[in-house]
Amino acid sequence: MTTVSFFRGNDGAGWMKFAVTASVFQNVLPHLLLHGPPGTGKTSTILACAKQMYPEGQVRQYVLELNASDARGIDVVRECIKQFVSSRSMFSGSLGSKMPKLVILDEADNMTSVSQFALRRVIEQYSSNARFCLICNYSSKIIPALQSRCTKFRFAPLKDSEAKMRVEYVARCEGVRISEDGMSALLKTGEGDMRKVLNTLQSCAMSYPGQAVDARVIHKVAGLPQPASIDRLETALCNLPVKECMEAVEDLRVKQGYSVTDLLHEIHDRMIR
């Protein structure tokens, strides 16, 4: 199956892409802070915007993308980033005017406080020559001085309808058959995380080639309890003494290797229906 990044769509972030695109064409692109749960299209969206901002074939030359969880020390800010933004781009962009460079810092919430303060000074010094896009899961871990210099966009978990459209598209392109109960189980497993949904689908397709992906396959690949096991556990909890209920839980935990957290999660979903 083709890699996840190829198929990761921006359906749930169309509004943000529209806002950034409008800023690009008005030549007023601000510094950005994209935050929200993983797998909601933050990185994909800003990369799509970058491809629209810069001439084809020159994106790599004018866009610096760093994973701040790996390169998060103050030396990276002082040397790598500062060296990149200190030189002015000399090409004419799609607007016919000189476009600023773009620095994308993924997982910026893993940067140290010292690095963030150093980054703030770099942003202040080179704002006329470069724009910065910080991507994180938790905006609370970004210092207020950086937050105040950025326009914030929050990415919510994808709706099931949005994720379903993308899964159907990927399955059609890759020739993967997925049943209705398989689709429901896949979306439930993903919980709005498109990356997790596509990774699970890819694992199912590779583990069971030529076989339709149904709920049983999804649960087996994801390591989640099978619905039949949860049915038996629910019956035991509702009808049997506490000692026998504990034995039923231990059987699922020890002999079948299911996590107690997953068992509680599944039982909770059953009880609140």
C-alpha atoms as a PDB file:
ATOM      1  CA  MET A   1       0.000   0.000   0.000  1.00  0.00           C
ATOM      2  CA  THR A   2       1.216   3.501  -0.780  1.00  0.00           C
ATOM      3  CA  THR A   3       2.647   5.466   2.137  1.00  0.00           C
ATOM      4  CA  VAL A   4       0.326   7.276   4.525  1.00  0.00           C
ATOM      5  CA  SER A   5       1.737  10.726   3.774  1.00  0.00           C
ATOM      6  CA  PHE A   6       0.707  10.411   0.126  1.00  0.00           C
ATOM      7  CA  PHE A   7      -2.939   9.891   1.001  1.00  0.00           C
ATOM      8  CA  ARG A   8      -3.229  12.127   4.032  1.00  0.00           C
ATOM      9  CA  GLY A   9      -5.862  14.657   2.971  1.00  0.00           C
ATOM     10  CA  ASN A  10      -6.747  18.102   4.234  1.00  0.00           C
ATOM     11  CA  ASP A  11     -10.535  17.674   4.192  1.00  0.00           C
ATOM     12  CA  GLY A  12     -10.901  18.618   7.840  1.00  0.00           C
ATOM     13  CA  ALA A  13      -8.708  21.717   7.476  1.00  0.00           C
ATOM     14  CA  GLY A  14     -10.068  23.293   4.303  1.00  0.00           C
ATOM     15  CA  TRP A  15     -11.061  26.428   6.170  1.00  0.00           C
ATOM     16  CA  MET A  16      -7.528  26.903   7.446  1.00  0.00           C
ATOM     17  CA  LYS A  17      -6.005  26.328   4.008  1.00  0.00           C
ATOM     18  CA  PHE A  18      -8.400  28.902   2.578  1.00  0.00           C
ATOM     19  CA  ALA A  19      -7.406  31.467   5.226  1.00  0.00           C
ATOM     20  CA  VAL A  20      -3.684  30.930   4.684  1.00  0.00           C
ATOM     21  CA  THR A  21      -4.063  30.980   0.908  1.00  0.00           C
ATOM     22  CA  ALA A  22      -5.932  34.281   1.111  1.00  0.00           C
ATOM     23  CA  SER A  23      -3.095  35.676   3.237  1.00  0.00           C
ATOM     24  CA  VAL A  24      -0.556  34.489   0.666  1.00  0.00           C
ATOM     25  CA  PHE A  25      -2.301  36.235  -2.210  1.00  0.00           C
ATOM     26  CA  GLN A  26      -2.613  39.422  -0.164  1.00  0.00           C
ATOM     27  CA  ASN A  27       1.077  39.157   0.749  1.00  0.00           C
ATOM     28  CA  VAL A  28       0.251  39.379   4.467  1.00  0.00           C
ATOM     29  CA  LEU A  29       1.039  35.842   5.623  1.00  0.00           C
ATOM     30  CA  PRO A  30       1.409  35.882   9.450  1.00  0.00           C
ATOM     31  CA  HIS A  31       3.426  33.619  11.675  1.00  0.00           C
ATOM     32  CA  LEU A  32       1.305  30.542  12.401  1.00  0.00           C
ATOM     33  CA  LEU A  33       0.688  28.258  15.356  1.00  0.00           C
ATOM     34  CA  LEU A  34      -1.160  25.080  14.353  1.00  0.00           C
ATOM     35  CA  HIS A  35      -2.232  22.972  17.308  1.00  0.00           C
ATOM     36  CA  GLY A  36      -4.510  20.005  17.932  1.00  0.00           C
ATOM     37  CA  PRO A  37      -4.496  16.203  18.287  1.00  0.00           C
ATOM     38  CA  PRO A  38      -2.166  14.086  16.115  1.00  0.00           C
ATOM     39  CA  GLY A  39      -3.283  12.896  12.707  1.00  0.00           C
ATOM     40  CA  THR A  40      -5.599  15.840  11.980  1.00  0.00           C
ATOM     41  CA  GLY A  41      -3.665  17.289   9.014  1.00  0.00           C
ATOM     42  CA  LYS A  42      -1.591  20.081  10.564  1.00  0.00           C
ATOM     43  CA  THR A  43       1.681  19.290   8.799  1.00  0.00           C
ATOM     44  CA  SER A  44      -0.009  18.254   5.552  1.00  0.00           C
ATOM     45  CA  THR A  45      -1.938  21.527   5.419  1.00  0.00           C
ATOM     46  CA  ILE A  46       1.037  23.847   5.799  1.00  0.00           C
ATOM     47  CA  LEU A  47       3.059  21.802   3.282  1.00  0.00           C
ATOM     48  CA  ALA A  48       0.186  22.084   0.792  1.00  0.00           C
ATOM     49  CA  CYS A  49       0.146  25.845   1.367  1.00  0.00           C
ATOM     50  CA  ALA A  50       3.914  25.986   0.862  1.00  0.00           C
ATOM     51  CA  LYS A  51       3.572  24.276  -2.526  1.00  0.00           C
ATOM     52  CA  GLN A  52       1.081  26.943  -3.509  1.00  0.00           C
ATOM     53  CA  MET A  53       3.242  29.798  -2.230  1.00  0.00           C
ATOM     54  CA  TYR A  54       6.455  28.925  -4.042  1.00  0.00           C
ATOM     55  CA  PRO A  55       7.301  28.066  -7.667  1.00  0.00           C
ATOM     56  CA  GLU A  56       7.326  24.384  -8.559  1.00  0.00           C
ATOM     57  CA  GLY A  57      10.689  22.796  -7.971  1.00  0.00           C
ATOM     58  CA  GLN A  58      11.881  25.492  -5.545  1.00  0.00           C
ATOM     59  CA  VAL A  59       9.935  24.543  -2.429  1.00  0.00           C
ATOM     60  CA  ARG A  60      12.864  22.717  -0.834  1.00  0.00           C
ATOM     61  CA  GLN A  61      15.098  25.715  -1.394  1.00  0.00           C
ATOM     62  CA  TYR A  62      12.821  28.182   0.376  1.00  0.00           C
ATOM     63  CA  VAL A  63      11.151  26.003   3.005  1.00  0.00           C
ATOM     64  CA  LEU A  64      12.984  24.688   6.075  1.00  0.00           C
ATOM     65  CA  GLU A  65      11.143  21.848   7.812  1.00  0.00           C
ATOM     66  CA  LEU A  66      12.448  20.636  11.155  1.00  0.00           C
ATOM     67  CA  ASN A  67      11.098  18.172  13.677  1.00  0.00           C
ATOM     68  CA  ALA A  68      11.596  20.075  16.898  1.00  0.00           C
ATOM     69  CA  SER A  69      11.403  16.899  18.998  1.00  0.00           C
ATOM     70  CA  ASP A  70      14.663  15.706  17.405  1.00  0.00           C
ATOM     71  CA  ALA A  71      16.372  19.043  16.814  1.00  0.00           C
ATOM     72  CA  ARG A  72      15.186  21.166  19.710  1.00  0.00           C
ATOM     73  CA  GLY A  73      18.354  22.550  21.254  1.00  0.00           C
ATOM     74  CA  ILE A  74      19.295  26.205  21.302  1.00  0.00           C
ATOM     75  CA  ASP A  75      22.172  25.499  18.867  1.00  0.00           C
ATOM     76  CA  VAL A  76      19.644  24.540  16.172  1.00  0.00           C
ATOM     77  CA  VAL A  77      17.862  27.869  16.600  1.00  0.00           C
ATOM     78  CA  ARG A  78      21.058  29.903  16.632  1.00  0.00           C
ATOM     79  CA  GLU A  79      22.801  28.134  13.777  1.00  0.00           C
ATOM     80  CA  CYS A  80      20.486  26.148  11.487  1.00  0.00           C
ATOM     81  CA  ILE A  81      17.390  28.365  11.583  1.00  0.00           C
ATOM     82  CA  LYS A  82      19.217  31.679  11.826  1.00  0.00           C
ATOM     83  CA  GLN A  83      21.505  30.797   8.933  1.00  0.00           C
ATOM     84  CA  PHE A  84      18.517  29.838   6.791  1.00  0.00           C
ATOM     85  CA  VAL A  85      16.432  32.975   7.421  1.00  0.00           C
ATOM     86  CA  SER A  86      19.310  35.450   7.351  1.00  0.00           C
ATOM     87  CA  SER A  87      19.654  35.226   3.549  1.00  0.00           C
ATOM     88  CA  ARG A  88      16.937  36.901   1.512  1.00  0.00           C
ATOM     89  CA  SER A  89      15.203  35.015  -1.304  1.00  0.00           C
ATOM     90  CA  MET A  90      15.756  36.620  -4.694  1.00  0.00           C
ATOM     91  CA  PHE A  91      13.045  34.947  -6.780  1.00  0.00           C
ATOM     92  CA  SER A  92       9.614  36.310  -7.663  1.00  0.00           C
ATOM     93  CA  GLY A  93       6.769  34.214  -6.348  1.00  0.00           C
ATOM     94  CA  SER A  94       3.310  33.639  -7.783  1.00  0.00           C
ATOM     95  CA  LEU A  95       2.336  37.169  -6.733  1.00  0.00           C
ATOM     96  CA  GLY A  96       5.105  38.729  -8.748  1.00  0.00           C
ATOM     97  CA  SER A  97       6.811  40.015  -5.583  1.00  0.00           C
ATOM     98  CA  LYS A  98       9.549  38.686  -3.334  1.00  0.00           C
ATOM     99  CA  MET A  99       8.128  36.013  -1.056  1.00  0.00           C
ATOM    100  CA  PRO A 100       9.380  35.391   2.482  1.00  0.00           C
ATOM    101  CA  LYS A 101      10.989  32.101   3.362  1.00  0.00           C
ATOM    102  CA  LEU A 102       9.020  29.617   5.450  1.00  0.00           C
ATOM    103  CA  VAL A 103      10.295  27.786   8.536  1.00  0.00           C
ATOM    104  CA  ILE A 104       8.140  24.852   9.698  1.00  0.00           C
ATOM    105  CA  LEU A 105       8.816  23.556  13.210  1.00  0.00           C
ATOM    106  CA  ASP A 106       6.923  20.328  13.798  1.00  0.00           C
ATOM    107  CA  GLU A 107       6.299  19.104  17.371  1.00  0.00           C
ATOM    108  CA  ALA A 108       7.338  22.517  18.683  1.00  0.00           C
ATOM    109  CA  ASP A 109       5.862  21.728  22.097  1.00  0.00           C
ATOM    110  CA  ASN A 110       8.918  19.521  22.691  1.00  0.00           C
ATOM    111  CA  MET A 111      11.310  22.459  22.393  1.00  0.00           C
ATOM    112  CA  THR A 112      13.018  23.563  25.581  1.00  0.00           C
ATOM    113  CA  SER A 113      12.063  26.915  27.122  1.00  0.00           C
ATOM    114  CA  VAL A 114      15.519  28.305  26.356  1.00  0.00           C
ATOM    115  CA  SER A 115      15.134  27.333  22.692  1.00  0.00           C
ATOM    116  CA  GLN A 116      11.694  28.930  22.531  1.00  0.00           C
ATOM    117  CA  PHE A 117      12.992  32.231  23.916  1.00  0.00           C
ATOM    118  CA  ALA A 118      15.859  32.135  21.412  1.00  0.00           C
ATOM    119  CA  LEU A 119      13.352  31.439  18.642  1.00  0.00           C
ATOM    120  CA  ARG A 120      11.316  34.443  19.741  1.00  0.00           C
ATOM    121  CA  ARG A 121      14.339  36.702  19.207  1.00  0.00           C
ATOM    122  CA  VAL A 122      14.989  35.196  15.768  1.00  0.00           C
ATOM    123  CA  ILE A 123      11.338  35.766  14.782  1.00  0.00           C
ATOM    124  CA  GLU A 124      11.555  39.401  15.860  1.00  0.00           C
ATOM    125  CA  GLN A 125      14.817  39.967  14.019  1.00  0.00           C
ATOM    126  CA  TYR A 126      13.929  38.281  10.716  1.00  0.00           C
ATOM    127  CA  SER A 127      10.160  38.744  10.429  1.00  0.00           C
ATOM    128  CA  SER A 128      10.630  40.803   7.264  1.00  0.00           C
ATOM    129  CA  ASN A 129      12.458  37.969   5.551  1.00  0.00           C
ATOM    130  CA  ALA A 130      10.780  34.812   6.866  1.00  0.00           C
ATOM    131  CA  ARG A 131       7.561  33.402   8.277  1.00  0.00           C
ATOM    132  CA  PHE A 132       7.465  30.767  10.986  1.00  0.00           C
ATOM    133  CA  CYS A 133       4.914  27.998  11.407  1.00  0.00           C
ATOM    134  CA  LEU A 134       4.916  26.182  14.745  1.00  0.00           C
ATOM    135  CA  ILE A 135       3.063  22.854  14.877  1.00  0.00           C
ATOM    136  CA  CYS A 136       2.231  21.203  18.183  1.00  0.00           C
ATOM    137  CA  ASN A 137      -0.284  19.016  19.984  1.00  0.00           C
ATOM    138  CA  TYR A 138      -0.505  21.208  23.077  1.00  0.00           C
ATOM    139  CA  SER A 139      -0.392  24.978  22.650  1.00  0.00           C
ATOM    140  CA  SER A 140      -0.085  25.369  26.436  1.00  0.00           C
ATOM    141  CA  LYS A 141       3.527  24.148  26.134  1.00  0.00           C
ATOM    142  CA  ILE A 142       4.419  27.076  23.872  1.00  0.00           C
ATOM    143  CA  ILE A 143       5.599  30.132  25.813  1.00  0.00           C
ATOM    144  CA  PRO A 144       3.179  33.122  25.757  1.00  0.00           C
ATOM    145  CA  ALA A 145       5.789  35.295  24.031  1.00  0.00           C
ATOM    146  CA  LEU A 146       5.698  32.972  20.996  1.00  0.00           C
ATOM    147  CA  GLN A 147       1.929  32.495  21.060  1.00  0.00           C
ATOM    148  CA  SER A 148       1.347  36.239  20.967  1.00  0.00           C
ATOM    149  CA  ARG A 149       3.399  36.531  17.768  1.00  0.00           C
ATOM    150  CA  CYS A 150       1.436  33.853  15.897  1.00  0.00           C
ATOM    151  CA  THR A 151      -2.029  33.440  14.444  1.00  0.00           C
ATOM    152  CA  LYS A 152      -3.451  30.309  16.071  1.00  0.00           C
ATOM    153  CA  PHE A 153      -5.449  27.622  14.282  1.00  0.00           C
ATOM    154  CA  ARG A 154      -6.827  24.660  16.201  1.00  0.00           C
ATOM    155  CA  PHE A 155      -7.321  21.352  14.370  1.00  0.00           C
ATOM    156  CA  ALA A 156     -10.091  19.186  15.813  1.00  0.00           C
ATOM    157  CA  PRO A 157     -10.260  15.394  15.365  1.00  0.00           C
ATOM    158  CA  LEU A 158     -11.705  14.463  11.985  1.00  0.00           C
ATOM    159  CA  LYS A 159     -15.393  13.652  11.784  1.00  0.00           C
ATOM    160  CA  ASP A 160     -16.284  10.089  10.821  1.00  0.00           C
ATOM    161  CA  SER A 161     -17.803  11.319   7.548  1.00  0.00           C
ATOM    162  CA  GLU A 162     -14.542  13.066   6.568  1.00  0.00           C
ATOM    163  CA  ALA A 163     -12.361  10.104   7.529  1.00  0.00           C
ATOM    164  CA  LYS A 164     -14.708   7.689   5.752  1.00  0.00           C
ATOM    165  CA  MET A 165     -14.409   9.623   2.478  1.00  0.00           C
ATOM    166  CA  ARG A 166     -10.627   9.442   2.633  1.00  0.00           C
ATOM    167  CA  VAL A 167     -10.600   5.745   3.557  1.00  0.00           C
ATOM    168  CA  GLU A 168     -12.916   4.929   0.652  1.00  0.00           C
ATOM    169  CA  TYR A 169     -10.626   6.866  -1.690  1.00  0.00           C
ATOM    170  CA  VAL A 170      -7.486   5.070  -0.444  1.00  0.00           C
ATOM    171  CA  ALA A 171      -9.196   1.661  -0.565  1.00  0.00           C
ATOM    172  CA  ARG A 172     -10.364   2.321  -4.121  1.00  0.00           C
ATOM    173  CA  CYS A 173      -6.890   3.426  -5.253  1.00  0.00           C
ATOM    174  CA  GLU A 174      -5.172   0.458  -3.627  1.00  0.00           C
ATOM    175  CA  GLY A 175      -7.768  -2.184  -4.506  1.00  0.00           C
ATOM    176  CA  VAL A 176      -8.523  -2.978  -0.854  1.00  0.00           C
ATOM    177  CA  ARG A 177     -11.984  -4.340  -0.045  1.00  0.00           C
ATOM    178  CA  ILE A 178     -13.446  -3.178   3.256  1.00  0.00           C
ATOM    179  CA  SER A 179     -16.833  -4.219   4.653  1.00  0.00           C
ATOM    180  CA  GLU A 180     -19.346  -1.958   6.380  1.00  0.00           C
ATOM    181  CA  ASP A 181     -18.594  -3.365   9.827  1.00  0.00           C
ATOM    182  CA  GLY A 182     -14.897  -3.090   9.004  1.00  0.00           C
ATOM    183  CA  MET A 183     -15.312   0.585   8.138  1.00  0.00           C
ATOM    184  CA  SER A 184     -17.173   1.238  11.394  1.00  0.00           C
ATOM    185  CA  ALA A 185     -14.517  -0.585  13.427  1.00  0.00           C
ATOM    186  CA  LEU A 186     -11.715   1.255  11.615  1.00  0.00           C
ATOM    187  CA  LEU A 187     -13.226   4.692  12.259  1.00  0.00           C
ATOM    188  CA  LYS A 188     -13.886   3.820  15.895  1.00  0.00           C
ATOM    189  CA  THR A 189     -10.318   2.613  16.328  1.00  0.00           C
ATOM    190  CA  GLY A 190      -8.900   5.768  14.735  1.00  0.00           C
ATOM    191  CA  GLU A 191     -10.853   8.187  16.966  1.00  0.00           C
ATOM    192  CA  GLY A 192     -10.460  11.053  14.523  1.00  0.00           C
ATOM    193  CA  ASP A 193      -6.741  10.409  13.905  1.00  0.00           C
ATOM    194  CA  MET A 194      -6.369  10.032  10.128  1.00  0.00           C
ATOM    195  CA  ARG A 195      -2.797   8.819  10.407  1.00  0.00           C
ATOM    196  CA  LYS A 196      -3.841   6.049  12.785  1.00  0.00           C
ATOM    197  CA  VAL A 197      -6.764   5.088  10.534  1.00  0.00           C
ATOM    198  CA  LEU A 198      -4.577   4.737   7.435  1.00  0.00           C
ATOM    199  CA  ASN A 199      -1.792   2.941   9.308  1.00  0.00           C
ATOM    200  CA  THR A 200      -4.318   0.413  10.629  1.00  0.00           C
ATOM    201  CA  LEU A 201      -5.816  -0.065   7.172  1.00  0.00           C
ATOM    202  CA  GLN A 202      -2.350  -0.552   5.687  1.00  0.00           C
ATOM    203  CA  SER A 203      -1.448  -3.114   8.353  1.00  0.00           C
ATOM    204  CA  CYS A 204      -4.672  -5.020   7.678  1.00  0.00           C
ATOM    205  CA  ALA A 205      -4.082  -5.050   3.925  1.00  0.00           C
ATOM    206  CA  MET A 206      -0.504  -6.291   4.374  1.00  0.00           C
ATOM    207  CA  SER A 207      -1.383  -8.897   7.014  1.00  0.00           C
ATOM    208  CA  TYR A 208      -4.336 -10.335   5.085  1.00  0.00           C
ATOM    209  CA  PRO A 209      -3.614  -9.790   1.366  1.00  0.00           C
ATOM    210  CA  GLY A 210      -6.539 -10.422  -0.946  1.00  0.00           C
ATOM    211  CA  GLN A 211      -8.960 -10.710   1.959  1.00  0.00           C
ATOM    212  CA  ALA A 212     -11.742  -8.243   2.695  1.00  0.00           C
ATOM    213  CA  VAL A 213     -11.034  -6.075   5.726  1.00  0.00           C
ATOM    214  CA  ASP A 214     -13.820  -6.627   8.240  1.00  0.00           C
ATOM    215  CA  ALA A 215     -14.302  -5.850  11.936  1.00  0.00           C
ATOM    216  CA  ARG A 216     -12.614  -9.109  12.998  1.00  0.00           C
ATOM    217  CA  VAL A 217      -9.464  -8.256  11.044  1.00  0.00           C
ATOM    218  CA  ILE A 218      -9.439  -4.667  12.339  1.00  0.00           C
ATOM    219  CA  HIS A 219      -9.682  -5.781  15.969  1.00  0.00           C
ATOM    220  CA  LYS A 220      -7.043  -8.480  15.493  1.00  0.00           C
ATOM    221  CA  VAL A 221      -4.508  -6.173  13.838  1.00  0.00           C
ATOM    222  CA  ALA A 222      -5.152  -3.324  16.295  1.00  0.00           C
ATOM    223  CA  GLY A 223      -4.862  -5.708  19.250  1.00  0.00           C
ATOM    224  CA  LEU A 224      -8.353  -4.868  20.509  1.00  0.00           C
ATOM    225  CA  PRO A 225     -10.807  -7.316  22.111  1.00  0.00           C
ATOM    226  CA  GLN A 226     -13.110  -9.096  19.669  1.00  0.00           C
ATOM    227  CA  PRO A 227     -16.821  -8.168  19.969  1.00  0.00           C
ATOM    228  CA  ALA A 228     -17.641 -11.794  20.933  1.00  0.00           C
ATOM    229  CA  SER A 229     -15.230 -11.561  23.881  1.00  0.00           C
ATOM    230  CA  ILE A 230     -16.823  -8.321  25.040  1.00  0.00           C
ATOM    231  CA  ASP A 231     -20.273  -9.939  24.723  1.00  0.00           C
ATOM    232  CA  ARG A 232     -19.210 -12.744  27.073  1.00  0.00           C
ATOM    233  CA  LEU A 233     -17.623 -10.295  29.505  1.00  0.00           C
ATOM    234  CA  GLU A 234     -20.728  -8.106  29.516  1.00  0.00           C
ATOM    235  CA  THR A 235     -22.926 -11.129  30.228  1.00  0.00           C
ATOM    236  CA  ALA A 236     -20.658 -12.180  33.095  1.00  0.00           C
ATOM    237  CA  LEU A 237     -20.581  -8.721  34.648  1.00  0.00           C
ATOM    238  CA  CYS A 238     -24.372  -8.444  34.540  1.00  0.00           C
ATOM    239  CA  ASN A 239     -25.245 -11.932  35.788  1.00  0.00           C
ATOM    240  CA  LEU A 240     -22.397 -13.600  37.683  1.00  0.00           C
ATOM    241  CA  PRO A 241     -20.913 -13.094  41.192  1.00  0.00           C
ATOM    242  CA  VAL A 242     -17.918 -10.805  41.607  1.00  0.00           C
ATOM    243  CA  LYS A 243     -15.418 -13.671  41.898  1.00  0.00           C
ATOM    244  CA  GLU A 244     -16.478 -15.199  38.597  1.00  0.00           C
ATOM    245  CA  CYS A 245     -16.464 -11.750  36.963  1.00  0.00           C
ATOM    246  CA  MET A 246     -12.854 -11.288  38.073  1.00  0.00           C
ATOM    247  CA  GLU A 247     -11.995 -14.693  36.627  1.00  0.00           C
ATOM    248  CA  ALA A 248     -13.561 -13.685  33.308  1.00  0.00           C
ATOM    249  CA  VAL A 249     -11.475 -10.484  33.249  1.00  0.00           C
ATOM    250  CA  GLU A 250      -8.304 -12.383  34.153  1.00  0.00           C
ATOM    251  CA  ASP A 251      -8.966 -14.893  31.376  1.00  0.00           C
ATOM    252  CA  LEU A 252      -9.108 -12.073  28.810  1.00  0.00           C
ATOM    253  CA  ARG A 253      -6.114 -10.291  30.308  1.00  0.00           C
ATOM    254  CA  VAL A 254      -3.751 -13.222  30.905  1.00  0.00           C
ATOM    255  CA  LYS A 255      -4.706 -15.915  28.402  1.00  0.00           C
ATOM    256  CA  GLN A 256      -5.742 -13.681  25.500  1.00  0.00           C
ATOM    257  CA  GLY A 257      -3.410 -10.786  26.286  1.00  0.00           C
ATOM    258  CA  TYR A 258      -5.905  -7.927  26.132  1.00  0.00           C
ATOM    259  CA  SER A 259      -5.223  -4.700  27.987  1.00  0.00           C
ATOM    260  CA  VAL A 260      -7.472  -3.963  30.968  1.00  0.00           C
ATOM    261  CA  THR A 261      -7.731  -0.395  29.708  1.00  0.00           C
ATOM    262  CA  ASP A 262      -9.103  -1.630  26.363  1.00  0.00           C
ATOM    263  CA  LEU A 263     -11.548  -3.945  28.140  1.00  0.00           C
ATOM    264  CA  LEU A 264     -12.848  -1.113  30.327  1.00  0.00           C
ATOM    265  CA  HIS A 265     -13.101   1.174  27.304  1.00  0.00           C
ATOM    266  CA  GLU A 266     -15.155  -1.369  25.354  1.00  0.00           C
ATOM    267  CA  ILE A 267     -17.427  -2.163  28.313  1.00  0.00           C
ATOM    268  CA  HIS A 268     -17.941   1.542  28.973  1.00  0.00           C
ATOM    269  CA  ASP A 269     -19.030   2.071  25.363  1.00  0.00           C
ATOM    270  CA  ARG A 270     -21.501  -0.819  25.687  1.00  0.00           C
ATOM    271  CA  MET A 271     -22.988   0.512  28.928  1.00  0.00           C
ATOM    272  CA  ILE A 272     -23.628   4.065  27.707  1.00  0.00           C
ATOM    273  CA  ARG A 273     -25.332   3.051  24.469  1.00  0.00           C
END
